[in-house]
Protein backbone atom coordinates (compact mmCIF):
# COMPACT_ATOMS: atom_id res chain seq x y z
CA MET A 1 -0.13 0.11 -0.27
CA MET A 2 2.81 2.27 0.96
CA ALA A 3 4.64 1.99 -2.66
CA ILE A 4 1.11 2.57 -4.02
CA GLU A 5 0.82 5.83 -1.92
CA ARG A 6 4.11 6.59 -2.63
CA ILE A 7 4.01 6.53 -6.35
CA PHE A 8 0.41 8.56 -6.30
CA VAL A 9 2.59 11.45 -4.23
CA LYS A 10 5.38 10.91 -7.13
CA GLU A 11 2.91 11.83 -9.98
CA GLY A 12 1.56 14.46 -7.76
CA ILE A 13 4.52 15.99 -7.71
CA LYS A 14 5.47 15.81 -11.35
CA LYS A 15 2.04 16.90 -12.22
CA ALA A 16 2.57 20.28 -10.45
CA ASP A 17 6.35 20.77 -11.44
CA VAL A 18 4.77 20.51 -15.55
CA GLU A 19 2.00 23.02 -14.77
CA GLU A 20 4.30 25.41 -13.19
CA PHE A 21 6.63 24.78 -16.69
CA LEU A 22 3.79 25.25 -18.77
CA ALA A 23 2.35 28.44 -16.98
CA LYS A 24 5.78 29.87 -17.47
CA ARG A 25 6.08 29.16 -21.02
CA PHE A 26 2.98 29.99 -22.36
CA GLU A 27 1.78 33.01 -19.91
CA LYS A 28 1.81 35.47 -23.19
CA ALA A 29 -1.09 32.48 -24.48
CA GLY A 30 -3.47 33.25 -21.36
CA TYR A 31 -2.91 29.80 -20.02
CA SER A 32 -5.12 28.29 -17.83
CA HIS A 33 -4.02 24.79 -17.31
CA THR A 34 -2.96 21.47 -18.05
CA GLU A 35 -4.39 17.67 -17.93
CA ILE A 36 -1.95 14.62 -17.98
CA GLN A 37 -3.56 11.26 -18.89
CA ARG A 38 -1.77 7.83 -19.35
CA THR A 39 -2.21 6.26 -22.81
CA PRO A 40 -1.43 3.20 -25.03
CA LEU A 41 0.80 5.05 -27.12
CA GLY A 42 2.27 7.04 -24.26
CA THR A 43 1.12 10.57 -22.06
CA ARG A 44 -1.25 12.49 -23.35
CA ILE A 45 -0.61 16.36 -22.41
CA ILE A 46 -3.63 18.49 -23.11
CA VAL A 47 -2.87 22.46 -22.33
CA TYR A 48 -5.87 24.73 -22.38
CA ALA A 49 -5.11 28.53 -23.37
CA HIS A 50 -6.85 31.30 -24.56
CA LYS A 51 -4.61 32.12 -27.61
CA PRO A 52 -3.49 28.97 -28.56
CA GLY A 53 -1.61 29.87 -31.87
CA LEU A 54 0.83 31.59 -29.33
CA VAL A 55 1.46 27.80 -27.58
CA ILE A 56 1.89 25.67 -31.25
CA GLY A 57 3.91 28.57 -33.28
CA ARG A 58 4.57 28.68 -36.76
CA SER A 59 4.60 24.91 -38.39
CA GLY A 60 3.87 23.73 -34.75
CA LYS A 61 8.04 24.32 -34.28
CA LYS A 62 7.23 25.57 -30.82
CA ILE A 63 5.15 22.75 -29.75
CA LYS A 64 7.66 20.42 -31.39
CA ASP A 65 10.40 21.86 -29.03
CA ILE A 66 8.40 22.24 -25.98
CA THR A 67 7.13 18.45 -26.24
CA GLU A 68 10.92 17.69 -26.98
CA GLU A 69 11.70 19.66 -23.70
CA ILE A 70 9.23 17.92 -21.54
CA LYS A 71 10.15 14.85 -22.54
CA GLU A 72 14.02 15.53 -21.47
CA LYS A 73 13.15 17.42 -18.09
CA PHE A 74 10.07 15.34 -16.87
CA GLY A 75 11.01 11.97 -18.17
CA PHE A 76 8.22 11.02 -19.92
CA GLU A 77 7.77 8.21 -22.14
CA ASN A 78 6.48 9.99 -25.76
CA PRO A 79 4.63 12.81 -24.78
CA LEU A 80 1.77 13.90 -27.31
CA LEU A 81 1.29 17.58 -26.42
CA ASP A 82 -2.44 18.16 -27.34
CA VAL A 83 -3.42 22.91 -27.30
CA ARG A 84 -7.16 23.46 -26.75
CA GLU A 85 -8.56 26.91 -27.37
CA VAL A 86 -10.50 28.72 -23.71
CA GLU A 87 -13.12 30.15 -25.75
CA GLN A 88 -14.30 32.89 -23.15
CA PRO A 89 -11.13 33.28 -20.60
CA PHE A 90 -14.00 35.10 -18.17
CA LEU A 91 -15.16 32.29 -17.26
CA ASP A 92 -12.04 30.48 -16.85
CA ALA A 93 -11.26 30.95 -12.93
CA ASN A 94 -7.31 29.99 -13.46
CA ILE A 95 -7.33 32.34 -16.43
CA VAL A 96 -8.99 35.17 -14.15
CA ALA A 97 -6.67 34.22 -10.97
CA LYS A 98 -3.71 34.99 -13.05
CA ARG A 99 -4.87 38.42 -14.53
CA VAL A 100 -5.98 39.67 -11.11
CA ALA A 101 -2.13 38.78 -10.04
CA ARG A 102 -0.32 40.94 -13.18
CA ALA A 103 -2.88 43.63 -12.15
CA LEU A 104 -1.89 43.68 -8.82
CA GLU A 105 1.91 43.18 -9.52
CA LYS A 106 1.48 46.49 -12.02
CA GLY A 107 0.11 47.97 -8.56
CA ILE A 108 -3.33 48.63 -9.07
CA ASN A 109 -5.54 48.51 -6.00
CA PHE A 110 -6.82 45.14 -5.19
CA LYS A 111 -10.32 46.11 -4.62
CA LYS A 112 -10.63 48.17 -8.23
CA VAL A 113 -9.06 44.83 -9.55
CA ALA A 114 -11.29 42.49 -7.81
CA ASN A 115 -14.59 44.54 -8.66
CA TYR A 116 -13.28 44.70 -11.87
CA TYR A 117 -12.91 41.08 -12.66
CA LEU A 118 -16.32 40.35 -10.45
CA ASP A 119 -18.06 42.59 -13.36
CA ARG A 120 -16.62 41.21 -16.13
CA VAL A 121 -16.85 37.27 -15.65
CA MET A 122 -20.81 38.22 -14.54
CA GLU A 123 -20.90 40.09 -18.22
CA ALA A 124 -19.57 36.49 -19.36
CA GLY A 125 -22.74 34.59 -18.16
CA ALA A 126 -21.46 33.25 -15.55
CA ILE A 127 -24.35 32.63 -12.13
CA GLY A 128 -21.96 33.74 -9.39
CA VAL A 129 -17.95 34.37 -8.86
CA GLN A 130 -15.94 34.95 -5.71
CA ILE A 131 -12.19 36.24 -5.69
CA ARG A 132 -10.28 35.97 -2.71
CA ILE A 133 -7.50 38.01 -2.06
CA ALA A 134 -4.97 37.46 0.53
CA GLY A 135 -1.72 38.94 2.27
CA LYS A 136 -0.13 42.31 3.26
CA LEU A 137 -2.70 44.54 1.10
CA ALA A 138 -2.67 48.03 0.60
CA GLY A 139 0.23 48.72 3.10
CA SER A 140 -1.09 46.80 6.23
CA GLU A 141 1.79 44.81 8.19
CA ARG A 142 -0.01 42.18 8.80
CA SER A 143 -1.62 39.38 6.16
CA ARG A 144 -5.04 39.56 5.84
CA PHE A 145 -7.77 38.50 3.25
CA GLN A 146 -10.61 39.43 1.97
CA LYS A 147 -13.56 38.15 -0.27
CA PHE A 148 -15.91 39.65 -3.57
CA ARG A 149 -18.68 38.29 -4.98
CA LYS A 150 -21.33 38.85 -6.96
CA GLY A 151 -23.96 36.53 -7.98
CA PHE A 152 -24.79 32.83 -6.62
CA VAL A 153 -21.95 30.56 -5.63
CA ALA A 154 -22.13 27.59 -4.11
CA PHE A 155 -19.23 26.33 -1.43
CA SER A 156 -19.79 23.05 -0.13
CA GLY A 157 -21.96 19.93 -0.96
CA GLU A 158 -22.69 18.34 -4.55
CA TYR A 159 -23.15 21.80 -6.58
CA ALA A 160 -19.69 23.14 -4.98
CA ASP A 161 -17.65 20.00 -6.73
CA ALA A 162 -19.86 19.97 -9.68
CA LEU A 163 -21.01 23.25 -10.92
CA VAL A 164 -17.39 25.44 -9.09
CA GLU A 165 -14.64 25.71 -11.38
CA LYS A 166 -11.54 27.26 -8.93
CA GLY A 167 -8.62 28.67 -9.70
CA TYR A 168 -5.52 30.08 -8.11
CA ALA A 169 -2.37 32.42 -8.85
CA GLN A 170 -0.34 34.20 -6.91
CA ALA A 171 1.16 38.20 -7.55
CA MET A 172 4.59 39.03 -6.33
CA ILE A 173 4.93 42.38 -4.82
CA LYS A 174 6.94 44.42 -2.81
CA PRO A 175 5.67 43.54 0.54
CA GLY A 176 5.62 39.96 -0.30
CA ILE A 177 3.32 36.92 -2.00
CA ILE A 178 -0.59 37.56 -2.27
CA GLY A 179 -2.74 34.47 -2.82
CA ILE A 180 -5.82 34.99 -4.97
CA LYS A 181 -8.20 32.14 -5.39
CA THR A 182 -11.24 32.35 -7.63
CA TYR A 183 -14.45 30.46 -8.01
CA ILE A 184 -16.82 30.82 -11.00
CA MET A 185 -20.34 29.05 -11.04
CA LYS A 186 -21.74 28.69 -14.88
CA LYS A 187 -24.43 26.94 -14.35
CA MET A 188 -27.67 27.11 -11.81
CA PRO A 189 -28.21 23.94 -10.48
CA LYS A 190 -31.03 21.81 -12.18
CA GLU A 191 -33.51 22.18 -8.52
CA LEU A 192 -32.84 25.50 -7.80
CA VAL A 193 -33.85 26.21 -11.60
CA ILE A 194 -37.08 23.93 -11.21
CA GLU A 195 -37.62 25.63 -7.88
CA LYS A 196 -37.93 29.02 -9.70
CA GLU A 197 -39.90 28.14 -12.12
CA GLN A 198 -42.58 26.59 -9.70
CA GLU A 199 -42.47 30.09 -7.98
CA LYS A 200 -42.91 31.78 -11.05
CA SER A 201 -46.27 29.75 -11.82
CA GLU A 202 -47.80 29.65 -8.62
CA ILE A 203 -47.43 33.82 -8.40
CA LYS A 204 -49.09 34.74 -11.86
CA GLN A 205 -51.87 31.55 -10.59
């Protein structure tokens, strides 16, 4: 049992390392996240980004180079890099978290940044969004956190697991590291939709 656990821990560390490596490589491409899948042919690495053309490069040269680098750096046998487009970046929790982080690094006030992205996410069609920013905020000596929310977001139970997408990023500013967590709920639970429809029909009657 311990041997199996060690394999999972090792695989978890490797995935985190690959994630960090690709996030740095494809930051300008609007990098979101990576999925790693075992296949009979090798290891499929799926990269999600807003601008996949910047990941692939001209004639696919960049993706070939990155694939070879991943093979040598992380020891994957026959890695297959697959790039998929994130069509709506404001509905992607990882991309939103990274954009908040970059804005904070440019010195923009954290409240202004958070409220701007709350509006953009809701305009993109989300049911609800929460942005949590933690660290030494607005010149405070002690670390603290602040939450900003719009709409409805489930934080526990089945809805939270199935319907809420979570993202995380870090901003490096002079006072220290700021952690950003984003929670985006794209769909209303079917049960709540039915309840609302029943309420409307009862009011009409």
